[in-house]
Amino acid sequence: MAKEKATITVDREKLAEARALLGATSASAAIDVALSELIRRHKLRNDLKAYTASPPTAEEMALGRSSPDWVDLADDTDWEAEWPEDR
């Protein structure tokens, strides 16, 4: 990822608190995390807006209310033998 050098003015107390919370060794590291989080939250908000823009269909609502049929999982498979923990 390409980096760009920038001169910025920040609140020292906020920067110190952010660095302490993140365990960041530098102001650049703390600001990089803050920008990544800002971008992630913005994308999430946009996703939520898009999702709520159209209400679920009756079929989707019914699927959400349905309970799974666990019968398919009731077999004699020895899962511990299939997936040993010491792999």
N, C-alpha and C. Protein backbone atom coordinates (compact mmCIF):
# COMPACT_ATOMS: atom_id res chain seq x y z
N MET A 1 0.85 -1.17 0.00
CA MET A 1 0.00 0.00 0.00
C MET A 1 0.89 1.23 0.00
N ALA A 2 0.62 2.13 -0.89
CA ALA A 2 1.40 3.36 -0.98
C ALA A 2 1.05 4.28 0.17
N LYS A 3 2.06 4.91 0.70
CA LYS A 3 1.86 5.85 1.81
C LYS A 3 2.16 7.25 1.31
N GLU A 4 1.56 8.22 1.97
CA GLU A 4 1.78 9.61 1.63
C GLU A 4 2.14 10.37 2.89
N LYS A 5 3.19 11.11 2.81
CA LYS A 5 3.60 11.93 3.96
C LYS A 5 2.70 13.16 4.00
N ALA A 6 2.20 13.48 5.20
CA ALA A 6 1.30 14.62 5.35
C ALA A 6 1.62 15.34 6.65
N THR A 7 1.46 16.62 6.63
CA THR A 7 1.60 17.42 7.84
C THR A 7 0.19 17.76 8.29
N ILE A 8 -0.12 17.39 9.53
CA ILE A 8 -1.48 17.64 10.04
C ILE A 8 -1.39 18.28 11.42
N THR A 9 -2.47 18.88 11.81
CA THR A 9 -2.58 19.45 13.15
C THR A 9 -3.66 18.66 13.88
N VAL A 10 -3.30 18.11 15.04
CA VAL A 10 -4.25 17.31 15.80
C VAL A 10 -4.25 17.77 17.25
N ASP A 11 -5.32 17.43 17.93
CA ASP A 11 -5.42 17.68 19.36
C ASP A 11 -4.48 16.70 20.07
N ARG A 12 -3.51 17.22 20.82
CA ARG A 12 -2.50 16.37 21.47
C ARG A 12 -3.12 15.38 22.44
N GLU A 13 -4.11 15.83 23.19
CA GLU A 13 -4.74 14.93 24.17
C GLU A 13 -5.47 13.78 23.48
N LYS A 14 -6.18 14.10 22.39
CA LYS A 14 -6.87 13.04 21.64
C LYS A 14 -5.88 12.06 21.05
N LEU A 15 -4.80 12.58 20.51
CA LEU A 15 -3.79 11.72 19.92
C LEU A 15 -3.14 10.83 20.98
N ALA A 16 -2.83 11.40 22.12
CA ALA A 16 -2.23 10.62 23.20
C ALA A 16 -3.18 9.54 23.68
N GLU A 17 -4.45 9.89 23.80
CA GLU A 17 -5.45 8.91 24.25
C GLU A 17 -5.61 7.79 23.21
N ALA A 18 -5.66 8.17 21.95
CA ALA A 18 -5.80 7.18 20.88
C ALA A 18 -4.59 6.25 20.87
N ARG A 19 -3.40 6.80 20.98
CA ARG A 19 -2.19 5.97 20.99
C ARG A 19 -2.21 5.01 22.17
N ALA A 20 -2.64 5.50 23.33
CA ALA A 20 -2.69 4.64 24.51
C ALA A 20 -3.72 3.53 24.34
N LEU A 21 -4.89 3.87 23.82
CA LEU A 21 -5.93 2.86 23.62
C LEU A 21 -5.50 1.78 22.63
N LEU A 22 -4.81 2.20 21.58
CA LEU A 22 -4.41 1.28 20.53
C LEU A 22 -3.06 0.62 20.79
N GLY A 23 -2.31 1.17 21.71
CA GLY A 23 -0.96 0.68 21.92
C GLY A 23 -0.07 1.05 20.74
N ALA A 24 -0.42 2.12 20.05
CA ALA A 24 0.31 2.56 18.86
C ALA A 24 1.64 3.18 19.27
N THR A 25 2.67 2.83 18.53
CA THR A 25 4.00 3.35 18.85
C THR A 25 4.26 4.71 18.23
N SER A 26 3.39 5.12 17.32
CA SER A 26 3.61 6.43 16.68
C SER A 26 2.27 7.09 16.39
N ALA A 27 2.34 8.39 16.15
CA ALA A 27 1.14 9.13 15.77
C ALA A 27 0.63 8.61 14.43
N SER A 28 1.54 8.32 13.51
CA SER A 28 1.14 7.81 12.20
C SER A 28 0.36 6.51 12.31
N ALA A 29 0.81 5.61 13.18
CA ALA A 29 0.12 4.34 13.36
C ALA A 29 -1.29 4.55 13.91
N ALA A 30 -1.41 5.45 14.89
CA ALA A 30 -2.72 5.72 15.48
C ALA A 30 -3.66 6.35 14.45
N ILE A 31 -3.15 7.27 13.67
CA ILE A 31 -3.98 7.93 12.66
C ILE A 31 -4.37 6.95 11.56
N ASP A 32 -3.46 6.04 11.20
CA ASP A 32 -3.78 5.03 10.20
C ASP A 32 -4.93 4.14 10.66
N VAL A 33 -4.88 3.73 11.92
CA VAL A 33 -5.97 2.91 12.47
C VAL A 33 -7.27 3.71 12.50
N ALA A 34 -7.19 4.96 12.90
CA ALA A 34 -8.39 5.81 12.97
C ALA A 34 -9.01 5.98 11.59
N LEU A 35 -8.19 6.20 10.58
CA LEU A 35 -8.72 6.35 9.22
C LEU A 35 -9.33 5.05 8.72
N SER A 36 -8.69 3.93 9.01
CA SER A 36 -9.24 2.62 8.61
C SER A 36 -10.60 2.39 9.26
N GLU A 37 -10.71 2.73 10.54
CA GLU A 37 -11.98 2.56 11.25
C GLU A 37 -13.05 3.49 10.70
N LEU A 38 -12.70 4.72 10.38
CA LEU A 38 -13.64 5.66 9.79
C LEU A 38 -14.18 5.12 8.46
N ILE A 39 -13.29 4.60 7.63
CA ILE A 39 -13.69 4.04 6.33
C ILE A 39 -14.59 2.83 6.53
N ARG A 40 -14.21 1.93 7.47
CA ARG A 40 -15.01 0.73 7.73
C ARG A 40 -16.42 1.09 8.19
N ARG A 41 -16.51 2.05 9.11
CA ARG A 41 -17.82 2.46 9.62
C ARG A 41 -18.67 3.12 8.54
N HIS A 42 -18.04 3.92 7.70
CA HIS A 42 -18.78 4.57 6.61
C HIS A 42 -19.35 3.51 5.65
N LYS A 43 -18.54 2.53 5.30
CA LYS A 43 -19.01 1.46 4.41
C LYS A 43 -20.14 0.67 5.05
N LEU A 44 -20.02 0.40 6.34
CA LEU A 44 -21.06 -0.33 7.06
C LEU A 44 -22.36 0.46 7.06
N ARG A 45 -22.27 1.77 7.33
CA ARG A 45 -23.48 2.61 7.30
C ARG A 45 -24.13 2.58 5.93
N ASN A 46 -23.32 2.65 4.87
CA ASN A 46 -23.87 2.58 3.51
C ASN A 46 -24.53 1.24 3.24
N ASP A 47 -23.92 0.17 3.73
CA ASP A 47 -24.51 -1.16 3.56
C ASP A 47 -25.85 -1.25 4.29
N LEU A 48 -25.90 -0.71 5.50
CA LEU A 48 -27.15 -0.74 6.26
C LEU A 48 -28.24 0.08 5.58
N LYS A 49 -27.86 1.24 5.04
CA LYS A 49 -28.83 2.05 4.31
C LYS A 49 -29.38 1.29 3.11
N ALA A 50 -28.50 0.65 2.38
CA ALA A 50 -28.92 -0.11 1.19
C ALA A 50 -29.82 -1.27 1.61
N TYR A 51 -29.48 -1.95 2.69
CA TYR A 51 -30.26 -3.09 3.14
C TYR A 51 -31.66 -2.67 3.58
N THR A 52 -31.73 -1.54 4.30
CA THR A 52 -33.03 -1.11 4.81
C THR A 52 -33.84 -0.34 3.77
N ALA A 53 -33.25 -0.05 2.62
CA ALA A 53 -33.98 0.69 1.58
C ALA A 53 -35.12 -0.13 1.00
N SER A 54 -34.95 -1.44 0.97
CA SER A 54 -36.05 -2.28 0.47
C SER A 54 -36.41 -3.28 1.56
N PRO A 55 -37.66 -3.28 1.97
CA PRO A 55 -38.09 -4.17 3.05
C PRO A 55 -38.01 -5.63 2.60
N PRO A 56 -37.84 -6.55 3.56
CA PRO A 56 -37.79 -7.96 3.20
C PRO A 56 -39.12 -8.43 2.61
N THR A 57 -39.03 -9.41 1.73
CA THR A 57 -40.23 -9.97 1.12
C THR A 57 -40.92 -10.89 2.13
N ALA A 58 -42.13 -11.28 1.83
CA ALA A 58 -42.86 -12.21 2.70
C ALA A 58 -42.10 -13.53 2.81
N GLU A 59 -41.50 -13.96 1.70
CA GLU A 59 -40.74 -15.22 1.71
C GLU A 59 -39.51 -15.10 2.63
N GLU A 60 -38.83 -13.96 2.59
CA GLU A 60 -37.67 -13.76 3.46
C GLU A 60 -38.09 -13.70 4.93
N MET A 61 -39.21 -13.07 5.20
CA MET A 61 -39.72 -13.02 6.58
C MET A 61 -40.05 -14.42 7.08
N ALA A 62 -40.69 -15.22 6.24
CA ALA A 62 -41.04 -16.59 6.63
C ALA A 62 -39.78 -17.41 6.89
N LEU A 63 -38.78 -17.24 6.06
CA LEU A 63 -37.53 -17.96 6.25
C LEU A 63 -36.88 -17.58 7.58
N GLY A 64 -36.93 -16.32 7.92
CA GLY A 64 -36.38 -15.85 9.18
C GLY A 64 -37.11 -16.41 10.39
N ARG A 65 -38.39 -16.68 10.26
CA ARG A 65 -39.18 -17.21 11.37
C ARG A 65 -39.11 -18.73 11.46
N SER A 66 -38.63 -19.38 10.42
CA SER A 66 -38.62 -20.84 10.41
C SER A 66 -37.54 -21.38 11.34
N SER A 67 -37.78 -22.57 11.83
CA SER A 67 -36.76 -23.21 12.68
C SER A 67 -36.12 -24.33 11.88
N PRO A 68 -34.83 -24.54 12.06
CA PRO A 68 -34.14 -25.55 11.27
C PRO A 68 -34.55 -26.97 11.64
N ASP A 69 -34.41 -27.85 10.68
CA ASP A 69 -34.67 -29.26 10.91
C ASP A 69 -33.33 -29.93 11.19
N TRP A 70 -33.07 -30.22 12.45
CA TRP A 70 -31.78 -30.75 12.86
C TRP A 70 -31.65 -32.25 12.61
N VAL A 71 -32.68 -32.87 12.07
CA VAL A 71 -32.67 -34.31 11.85
C VAL A 71 -31.47 -34.73 10.99
N ASP A 72 -31.11 -33.91 10.02
CA ASP A 72 -29.99 -34.26 9.15
C ASP A 72 -28.67 -34.37 9.91
N LEU A 73 -28.58 -33.73 11.06
CA LEU A 73 -27.35 -33.78 11.83
C LEU A 73 -27.32 -34.93 12.82
N ALA A 74 -28.44 -35.59 13.01
CA ALA A 74 -28.52 -36.70 13.97
C ALA A 74 -28.10 -38.00 13.27
N ASP A 75 -26.79 -38.17 13.13
CA ASP A 75 -26.29 -39.40 12.53
C ASP A 75 -25.21 -40.00 13.44
N ASP A 76 -24.62 -41.08 13.01
CA ASP A 76 -23.63 -41.79 13.83
C ASP A 76 -22.19 -41.40 13.51
N THR A 77 -22.00 -40.29 12.87
CA THR A 77 -20.64 -39.87 12.51
C THR A 77 -19.83 -39.58 13.77
N ASP A 78 -18.62 -40.11 13.82
CA ASP A 78 -17.69 -39.85 14.91
C ASP A 78 -16.87 -38.63 14.52
N TRP A 79 -17.37 -37.45 14.87
CA TRP A 79 -16.74 -36.21 14.44
C TRP A 79 -15.35 -36.01 15.04
N GLU A 80 -15.12 -36.52 16.23
CA GLU A 80 -13.79 -36.40 16.82
C GLU A 80 -12.77 -37.20 16.01
N ALA A 81 -13.18 -38.34 15.47
CA ALA A 81 -12.28 -39.12 14.64
C ALA A 81 -12.07 -38.43 13.28
N GLU A 82 -13.12 -37.78 12.78
CA GLU A 82 -13.03 -37.10 11.50
C GLU A 82 -12.17 -35.84 11.59
N TRP A 83 -12.25 -35.14 12.71
CA TRP A 83 -11.54 -33.87 12.88
C TRP A 83 -10.76 -33.88 14.20
N PRO A 84 -9.68 -34.66 14.28
CA PRO A 84 -8.92 -34.69 15.53
C PRO A 84 -8.31 -33.32 15.83
N GLU A 85 -8.24 -32.99 17.12
CA GLU A 85 -7.77 -31.67 17.54
C GLU A 85 -6.28 -31.47 17.33
N ASP A 86 -5.50 -32.55 17.27
CA ASP A 86 -4.05 -32.41 17.20
C ASP A 86 -3.51 -32.27 15.79
N ARG A 87 -4.34 -31.83 14.85
CA ARG A 87 -3.87 -31.64 13.48
C ARG A 87 -3.00 -30.43 13.38
